[in-house]
Amino acid sequence: MVKKRVKQNYYNYTLRDGRFVVKYGITKSPDRRVIEMDNAGLKFTSMTINPVAVSKKTALKRENERIKAYKRSHKGRKPKYNK
């Protein structure tokens, strides 16, 4: 029996304000997400998108790993908008 392959249509992204990371996240549509974040009033200057599409489960796992790594390097604090 062959398992169906999970759709890989999620992207990980990083929001930065200057050189500082302010949010790690996932999205299906990066262009739409930039507009949503701007409308929500979040202050950021750039958005870096990981160009490799992955499944939702993998994207969430990678997001959590990046937040944990950030916390280890910043005295246990999360990025500004990852509260």
PDB file of N, CA and C in Angstrom:
ATOM      1  N   MET A   1       0.829  -1.181   0.000  1.00  0.00           N
ATOM      2  CA  MET A   1       0.000   0.000   0.000  1.00  0.00           C
ATOM      3  C   MET A   1       0.878   1.251   0.000  1.00  0.00           C
ATOM      4  N   VAL A   2       0.592   2.165  -0.896  1.00  0.00           N
ATOM      5  CA  VAL A   2       1.384   3.382  -1.044  1.00  0.00           C
ATOM      6  C   VAL A   2       0.701   4.525  -0.301  1.00  0.00           C
ATOM      7  N   LYS A   3       1.490   5.203   0.531  1.00  0.00           N
ATOM      8  CA  LYS A   3       0.954   6.357   1.257  1.00  0.00           C
ATOM      9  C   LYS A   3       0.901   7.562   0.344  1.00  0.00           C
ATOM     10  N   LYS A   4      -0.144   8.389   0.520  1.00  0.00           N
ATOM     11  CA  LYS A   4      -0.226   9.631  -0.237  1.00  0.00           C
ATOM     12  C   LYS A   4       0.787  10.621   0.321  1.00  0.00           C
ATOM     13  N   ARG A   5       1.384  11.360  -0.563  1.00  0.00           N
ATOM     14  CA  ARG A   5       2.346  12.359  -0.157  1.00  0.00           C
ATOM     15  C   ARG A   5       1.618  13.620   0.325  1.00  0.00           C
ATOM     16  N   VAL A   6       2.068  14.176   1.423  1.00  0.00           N
ATOM     17  CA  VAL A   6       1.473  15.377   1.994  1.00  0.00           C
ATOM     18  C   VAL A   6       1.847  16.573   1.126  1.00  0.00           C
ATOM     19  N   LYS A   7       0.889  17.484   0.922  1.00  0.00           N
ATOM     20  CA  LYS A   7       1.178  18.683   0.137  1.00  0.00           C
ATOM     21  C   LYS A   7       2.235  19.521   0.833  1.00  0.00           C
ATOM     22  N   GLN A   8       3.160  19.996   0.041  1.00  0.00           N
ATOM     23  CA  GLN A   8       4.228  20.834   0.577  1.00  0.00           C
ATOM     24  C   GLN A   8       4.028  22.247   0.050  1.00  0.00           C
ATOM     25  N   ASN A   9       3.248  23.017   0.780  1.00  0.00           N
ATOM     26  CA  ASN A   9       2.913  24.355   0.312  1.00  0.00           C
ATOM     27  C   ASN A   9       3.043  25.425   1.399  1.00  0.00           C
ATOM     28  N   TYR A  10       3.836  25.178   2.426  1.00  0.00           N
ATOM     29  CA  TYR A  10       4.068  26.157   3.490  1.00  0.00           C
ATOM     30  C   TYR A  10       5.516  26.644   3.421  1.00  0.00           C
ATOM     31  N   TYR A  11       5.702  27.902   3.791  1.00  0.00           N
ATOM     32  CA  TYR A  11       7.028  28.518   3.775  1.00  0.00           C
ATOM     33  C   TYR A  11       7.334  29.100   5.152  1.00  0.00           C
ATOM     34  N   ASN A  12       8.582  28.977   5.577  1.00  0.00           N
ATOM     35  CA  ASN A  12       9.038  29.636   6.793  1.00  0.00           C
ATOM     36  C   ASN A  12       9.536  31.025   6.423  1.00  0.00           C
ATOM     37  N   TYR A  13       9.314  31.995   7.317  1.00  0.00           N
ATOM     38  CA  TYR A  13       9.786  33.352   7.056  1.00  0.00           C
ATOM     39  C   TYR A  13      10.340  33.963   8.334  1.00  0.00           C
ATOM     40  N   THR A  14      11.133  35.009   8.138  1.00  0.00           N
ATOM     41  CA  THR A  14      11.716  35.772   9.232  1.00  0.00           C
ATOM     42  C   THR A  14      11.437  37.247   8.991  1.00  0.00           C
ATOM     43  N   LEU A  15      10.865  37.907   9.982  1.00  0.00           N
ATOM     44  CA  LEU A  15      10.672  39.358   9.909  1.00  0.00           C
ATOM     45  C   LEU A  15      11.813  40.018  10.670  1.00  0.00           C
ATOM     46  N   ARG A  16      12.363  41.079  10.090  1.00  0.00           N
ATOM     47  CA  ARG A  16      13.452  41.805  10.728  1.00  0.00           C
ATOM     48  C   ARG A  16      13.123  43.291  10.781  1.00  0.00           C
ATOM     49  N   ASP A  17      13.591  43.923  11.835  1.00  0.00           N
ATOM     50  CA  ASP A  17      13.539  45.379  11.954  1.00  0.00           C
ATOM     51  C   ASP A  17      14.993  45.822  11.985  1.00  0.00           C
ATOM     52  N   GLY A  18      15.486  46.256  10.847  1.00  0.00           N
ATOM     53  CA  GLY A  18      16.917  46.519  10.716  1.00  0.00           C
ATOM     54  C   GLY A  18      17.651  45.201  10.735  1.00  0.00           C
ATOM     55  N   ARG A  19      18.571  45.031  11.673  1.00  0.00           N
ATOM     56  CA  ARG A  19      19.293  43.764  11.766  1.00  0.00           C
ATOM     57  C   ARG A  19      18.731  42.836  12.837  1.00  0.00           C
ATOM     58  N   PHE A  20      17.695  43.276  13.537  1.00  0.00           N
ATOM     59  CA  PHE A  20      17.130  42.502  14.631  1.00  0.00           C
ATOM     60  C   PHE A  20      15.950  41.644  14.157  1.00  0.00           C
ATOM     61  N   VAL A  21      15.926  40.391  14.574  1.00  0.00           N
ATOM     62  CA  VAL A  21      14.812  39.497  14.270  1.00  0.00           C
ATOM     63  C   VAL A  21      13.653  39.855  15.185  1.00  0.00           C
ATOM     64  N   VAL A  22      12.459  40.071  14.605  1.00  0.00           N
ATOM     65  CA  VAL A  22      11.295  40.393  15.423  1.00  0.00           C
ATOM     66  C   VAL A  22      10.227  39.310  15.362  1.00  0.00           C
ATOM     67  N   LYS A  23      10.302  38.378  14.391  1.00  0.00           N
ATOM     68  CA  LYS A  23       9.312  37.300  14.322  1.00  0.00           C
ATOM     69  C   LYS A  23       9.778  36.193  13.392  1.00  0.00           C
ATOM     70  N   TYR A  24       9.522  34.943  13.813  1.00  0.00           N
ATOM     71  CA  TYR A  24       9.651  33.773  12.955  1.00  0.00           C
ATOM     72  C   TYR A  24       8.238  33.255  12.742  1.00  0.00           C
ATOM     73  N   GLY A  25       7.930  32.762  11.543  1.00  0.00           N
ATOM     74  CA  GLY A  25       6.588  32.264  11.297  1.00  0.00           C
ATOM     75  C   GLY A  25       6.505  31.386  10.066  1.00  0.00           C
ATOM     76  N   ILE A  26       5.262  30.923   9.770  1.00  0.00           N
ATOM     77  CA  ILE A  26       5.005  30.131   8.575  1.00  0.00           C
ATOM     78  C   ILE A  26       3.820  30.733   7.835  1.00  0.00           C
ATOM     79  N   THR A  27       3.751  30.477   6.534  1.00  0.00           N
ATOM     80  CA  THR A  27       2.649  30.975   5.733  1.00  0.00           C
ATOM     81  C   THR A  27       2.521  30.161   4.450  1.00  0.00           C
ATOM     82  N   LYS A  28       1.331  30.195   3.873  1.00  0.00           N
ATOM     83  CA  LYS A  28       1.107  29.587   2.563  1.00  0.00           C
ATOM     84  C   LYS A  28       1.375  30.599   1.461  1.00  0.00           C
ATOM     85  N   SER A  29       1.057  31.878   1.731  1.00  0.00           N
ATOM     86  CA  SER A  29       1.190  32.932   0.731  1.00  0.00           C
ATOM     87  C   SER A  29       2.031  34.076   1.298  1.00  0.00           C
ATOM     88  N   PRO A  30       3.328  34.091   0.986  1.00  0.00           N
ATOM     89  CA  PRO A  30       4.208  35.133   1.540  1.00  0.00           C
ATOM     90  C   PRO A  30       3.789  36.550   1.174  1.00  0.00           C
ATOM     91  N   ASP A  31       3.337  36.769  -0.049  1.00  0.00           N
ATOM     92  CA  ASP A  31       2.937  38.122  -0.460  1.00  0.00           C
ATOM     93  C   ASP A  31       1.761  38.630   0.370  1.00  0.00           C
ATOM     94  N   ARG A  32       0.777  37.765   0.574  1.00  0.00           N
ATOM     95  CA  ARG A  32      -0.387  38.141   1.368  1.00  0.00           C
ATOM     96  C   ARG A  32       0.002  38.372   2.825  1.00  0.00           C
ATOM     97  N   ARG A  33       0.934  37.567   3.327  1.00  0.00           N
ATOM     98  CA  ARG A  33       1.344  37.662   4.726  1.00  0.00           C
ATOM     99  C   ARG A  33       2.024  39.001   5.026  1.00  0.00           C
ATOM    100  N   VAL A  34       2.800  39.522   4.086  1.00  0.00           N
ATOM    101  CA  VAL A  34       3.448  40.820   4.286  1.00  0.00           C
ATOM    102  C   VAL A  34       2.392  41.898   4.482  1.00  0.00           C
ATOM    103  N   ILE A  35       1.360  41.864   3.675  1.00  0.00           N
ATOM    104  CA  ILE A  35       0.280  42.850   3.777  1.00  0.00           C
ATOM    105  C   ILE A  35      -0.460  42.702   5.105  1.00  0.00           C
ATOM    106  N   GLU A  36      -0.735  41.454   5.524  1.00  0.00           N
ATOM    107  CA  GLU A  36      -1.424  41.218   6.800  1.00  0.00           C
ATOM    108  C   GLU A  36      -0.613  41.753   7.972  1.00  0.00           C
ATOM    109  N   MET A  37       0.691  41.494   7.973  1.00  0.00           N
ATOM    110  CA  MET A  37       1.539  41.942   9.076  1.00  0.00           C
ATOM    111  C   MET A  37       1.624  43.465   9.113  1.00  0.00           C
ATOM    112  N   ASP A  38       1.700  44.078   7.941  1.00  0.00           N
ATOM    113  CA  ASP A  38       1.751  45.537   7.866  1.00  0.00           C
ATOM    114  C   ASP A  38       0.446  46.146   8.373  1.00  0.00           C
ATOM    115  N   ASN A  39      -0.686  45.556   7.990  1.00  0.00           N
ATOM    116  CA  ASN A  39      -1.993  46.045   8.440  1.00  0.00           C
ATOM    117  C   ASN A  39      -2.195  45.837   9.939  1.00  0.00           C
ATOM    118  N   ALA A  40      -1.550  44.812  10.508  1.00  0.00           N
ATOM    119  CA  ALA A  40      -1.669  44.540  11.940  1.00  0.00           C
ATOM    120  C   ALA A  40      -0.852  45.528  12.770  1.00  0.00           C
ATOM    121  N   GLY A  41      -0.049  46.359  12.104  1.00  0.00           N
ATOM    122  CA  GLY A  41       0.714  47.372  12.811  1.00  0.00           C
ATOM    123  C   GLY A  41       2.066  46.902  13.318  1.00  0.00           C
ATOM    124  N   LEU A  42       2.545  45.756  12.830  1.00  0.00           N
ATOM    125  CA  LEU A  42       3.851  45.282  13.249  1.00  0.00           C
ATOM    126  C   LEU A  42       4.935  46.104  12.555  1.00  0.00           C
ATOM    127  N   LYS A  43       5.934  46.498  13.316  1.00  0.00           N
ATOM    128  CA  LYS A  43       7.013  47.315  12.777  1.00  0.00           C
ATOM    129  C   LYS A  43       8.136  46.392  12.303  1.00  0.00           C
ATOM    130  N   PHE A  44       8.395  46.386  10.986  1.00  0.00           N
ATOM    131  CA  PHE A  44       9.487  45.601  10.433  1.00  0.00           C
ATOM    132  C   PHE A  44       9.964  46.243   9.143  1.00  0.00           C
ATOM    133  N   THR A  45      11.208  45.952   8.757  1.00  0.00           N
ATOM    134  CA  THR A  45      11.771  46.538   7.547  1.00  0.00           C
ATOM    135  C   THR A  45      11.931  45.532   6.426  1.00  0.00           C
ATOM    136  N   SER A  46      12.065  44.244   6.753  1.00  0.00           N
ATOM    137  CA  SER A  46      12.239  43.250   5.702  1.00  0.00           C
ATOM    138  C   SER A  46      11.675  41.899   6.119  1.00  0.00           C
ATOM    139  N   MET A  47      11.383  41.094   5.101  1.00  0.00           N
ATOM    140  CA  MET A  47      10.879  39.740   5.324  1.00  0.00           C
ATOM    141  C   MET A  47      11.718  38.796   4.474  1.00  0.00           C
ATOM    142  N   THR A  48      12.355  37.833   5.115  1.00  0.00           N
ATOM    143  CA  THR A  48      13.152  36.830   4.427  1.00  0.00           C
ATOM    144  C   THR A  48      12.348  35.543   4.390  1.00  0.00           C
ATOM    145  N   ILE A  49      12.196  34.969   3.191  1.00  0.00           N
ATOM    146  CA  ILE A  49      11.409  33.759   3.030  1.00  0.00           C
ATOM    147  C   ILE A  49      12.322  32.609   2.652  1.00  0.00           C
ATOM    148  N   ASN A  50      12.168  31.478   3.334  1.00  0.00           N
ATOM    149  CA  ASN A  50      12.883  30.268   2.957  1.00  0.00           C
ATOM    150  C   ASN A  50      12.236  29.746   1.673  1.00  0.00           C
ATOM    151  N   PRO A  51      12.977  29.650   0.567  1.00  0.00           N
ATOM    152  CA  PRO A  51      12.365  29.317  -0.726  1.00  0.00           C
ATOM    153  C   PRO A  51      11.898  27.872  -0.866  1.00  0.00           C
ATOM    154  N   VAL A  52      12.200  27.014   0.087  1.00  0.00           N
ATOM    155  CA  VAL A  52      11.809  25.613  -0.006  1.00  0.00           C
ATOM    156  C   VAL A  52      10.443  25.407   0.644  1.00  0.00           C
ATOM    157  N   ALA A  53       9.476  24.931  -0.135  1.00  0.00           N
ATOM    158  CA  ALA A  53       8.144  24.646   0.403  1.00  0.00           C
ATOM    159  C   ALA A  53       8.184  23.314   1.149  1.00  0.00           C
ATOM    160  N   VAL A  54       7.500  23.274   2.302  1.00  0.00           N
ATOM    161  CA  VAL A  54       7.457  22.065   3.124  1.00  0.00           C
ATOM    162  C   VAL A  54       6.029  21.836   3.605  1.00  0.00           C
ATOM    163  N   SER A  55       5.802  20.704   4.252  1.00  0.00           N
ATOM    164  CA  SER A  55       4.479  20.422   4.804  1.00  0.00           C
ATOM    165  C   SER A  55       4.244  21.290   6.037  1.00  0.00           C
ATOM    166  N   LYS A  56       2.990  21.389   6.450  1.00  0.00           N
ATOM    167  CA  LYS A  56       2.659  22.221   7.613  1.00  0.00           C
ATOM    168  C   LYS A  56       3.363  21.713   8.866  1.00  0.00           C
ATOM    169  N   LYS A  57       3.393  20.413   9.041  1.00  0.00           N
ATOM    170  CA  LYS A  57       4.026  19.807  10.210  1.00  0.00           C
ATOM    171  C   LYS A  57       5.518  20.163  10.270  1.00  0.00           C
ATOM    172  N   THR A  58       6.197  20.058   9.141  1.00  0.00           N
ATOM    173  CA  THR A  58       7.623  20.383   9.077  1.00  0.00           C
ATOM    174  C   THR A  58       7.854  21.871   9.290  1.00  0.00           C
ATOM    175  N   ALA A  59       7.005  22.708   8.698  1.00  0.00           N
ATOM    176  CA  ALA A  59       7.150  24.158   8.859  1.00  0.00           C
ATOM    177  C   ALA A  59       7.008  24.560  10.325  1.00  0.00           C
ATOM    178  N   LEU A  60       6.022  23.993  11.017  1.00  0.00           N
ATOM    179  CA  LEU A  60       5.840  24.292  12.446  1.00  0.00           C
ATOM    180  C   LEU A  60       7.043  23.829  13.258  1.00  0.00           C
ATOM    181  N   LYS A  61       7.569  22.658  12.923  1.00  0.00           N
ATOM    182  CA  LYS A  61       8.732  22.114  13.621  1.00  0.00           C
ATOM    183  C   LYS A  61       9.939  23.037  13.445  1.00  0.00           C
ATOM    184  N   ARG A  62      10.162  23.500  12.206  1.00  0.00           N
ATOM    185  CA  ARG A  62      11.292  24.392  11.938  1.00  0.00           C
ATOM    186  C   ARG A  62      11.123  25.739  12.633  1.00  0.00           C
ATOM    187  N   GLU A  63       9.886  26.240  12.667  1.00  0.00           N
ATOM    188  CA  GLU A  63       9.621  27.505  13.356  1.00  0.00           C
ATOM    189  C   GLU A  63       9.968  27.376  14.838  1.00  0.00           C
ATOM    190  N   ASN A  64       9.510  26.294  15.471  1.00  0.00           N
ATOM    191  CA  ASN A  64       9.801  26.081  16.897  1.00  0.00           C
ATOM    192  C   ASN A  64      11.294  25.940  17.154  1.00  0.00           C
ATOM    193  N   GLU A  65      12.006  25.257  16.257  1.00  0.00           N
ATOM    194  CA  GLU A  65      13.455  25.108  16.417  1.00  0.00           C
ATOM    195  C   GLU A  65      14.160  26.466  16.336  1.00  0.00           C
ATOM    196  N   ARG A  66      13.725  27.315  15.412  1.00  0.00           N
ATOM    197  CA  ARG A  66      14.345  28.628  15.259  1.00  0.00           C
ATOM    198  C   ARG A  66      14.069  29.509  16.479  1.00  0.00           C
ATOM    199  N   ILE A  67      12.867  29.428  17.028  1.00  0.00           N
ATOM    200  CA  ILE A  67      12.541  30.208  18.223  1.00  0.00           C
ATOM    201  C   ILE A  67      13.370  29.728  19.409  1.00  0.00           C
ATOM    202  N   LYS A  68      13.508  28.413  19.559  1.00  0.00           N
ATOM    203  CA  LYS A  68      14.331  27.863  20.651  1.00  0.00           C
ATOM    204  C   LYS A  68      15.785  28.301  20.529  1.00  0.00           C
ATOM    205  N   ALA A  69      16.316  28.292  19.306  1.00  0.00           N
ATOM    206  CA  ALA A  69      17.703  28.724  19.088  1.00  0.00           C
ATOM    207  C   ALA A  69      17.848  30.205  19.431  1.00  0.00           C
ATOM    208  N   TYR A  70      16.868  31.006  19.055  1.00  0.00           N
ATOM    209  CA  TYR A  70      16.884  32.436  19.376  1.00  0.00           C
ATOM    210  C   TYR A  70      16.897  32.627  20.891  1.00  0.00           C
ATOM    211  N   LYS A  71      16.037  31.870  21.587  1.00  0.00           N
ATOM    212  CA  LYS A  71      15.954  31.990  23.045  1.00  0.00           C
ATOM    213  C   LYS A  71      17.274  31.631  23.716  1.00  0.00           C
ATOM    214  N   ARG A  72      17.960  30.612  23.197  1.00  0.00           N
ATOM    215  CA  ARG A  72      19.251  30.220  23.772  1.00  0.00           C
ATOM    216  C   ARG A  72      20.277  31.346  23.637  1.00  0.00           C
ATOM    217  N   SER A  73      20.194  32.105  22.579  1.00  0.00           N
ATOM    218  CA  SER A  73      21.166  33.175  22.319  1.00  0.00           C
ATOM    219  C   SER A  73      20.784  34.518  22.930  1.00  0.00           C
ATOM    220  N   HIS A  74      19.553  34.638  23.437  1.00  0.00           N
ATOM    221  CA  HIS A  74      19.072  35.928  23.928  1.00  0.00           C
ATOM    222  C   HIS A  74      18.490  35.842  25.349  1.00  0.00           C
ATOM    223  N   LYS A  75      19.170  35.123  26.215  1.00  0.00           N
ATOM    224  CA  LYS A  75      18.817  35.034  27.636  1.00  0.00           C
ATOM    225  C   LYS A  75      17.369  34.598  27.875  1.00  0.00           C
ATOM    226  N   GLY A  76      16.868  33.674  27.056  1.00  0.00           N
ATOM    227  CA  GLY A  76      15.543  33.115  27.277  1.00  0.00           C
ATOM    228  C   GLY A  76      14.384  33.925  26.732  1.00  0.00           C
ATOM    229  N   ARG A  77      14.661  35.038  26.043  1.00  0.00           N
ATOM    230  CA  ARG A  77      13.588  35.865  25.478  1.00  0.00           C
ATOM    231  C   ARG A  77      13.255  35.417  24.066  1.00  0.00           C
ATOM    232  N   LYS A  78      11.972  35.484  23.724  1.00  0.00           N
ATOM    233  CA  LYS A  78      11.524  35.193  22.366  1.00  0.00           C
ATOM    234  C   LYS A  78      11.644  36.462  21.519  1.00  0.00           C
ATOM    235  N   PRO A  79      11.609  36.319  20.185  1.00  0.00           N
ATOM    236  CA  PRO A  79      11.559  37.512  19.339  1.00  0.00           C
ATOM    237  C   PRO A  79      10.357  38.379  19.703  1.00  0.00           C
ATOM    238  N   LYS A  80      10.451  39.654  19.417  1.00  0.00           N
ATOM    239  CA  LYS A  80       9.465  40.658  19.842  1.00  0.00           C
ATOM    240  C   LYS A  80       8.011  40.259  19.574  1.00  0.00           C
ATOM    241  N   TYR A  81       7.694  39.755  18.386  1.00  0.00           N
ATOM    242  CA  TYR A  81       6.304  39.444  18.024  1.00  0.00           C
ATOM    243  C   TYR A  81       5.966  37.956  18.121  1.00  0.00           C
ATOM    244  N   ASN A  82       6.824  37.143  18.685  1.00  0.00           N
ATOM    245  CA  ASN A  82       6.530  35.723  18.896  1.00  0.00           C
ATOM    246  C   ASN A  82       6.095  35.458  20.335  1.00  0.00           C
ATOM    247  N   LYS A  83       5.324  36.306  20.900  1.00  0.00           N
ATOM    248  CA  LYS A  83       4.892  36.159  22.295  1.00  0.00           C
ATOM    249  C   LYS A  83       3.799  35.185  22.369  1.00  0.00           C
TER     250      LYS A  83
END
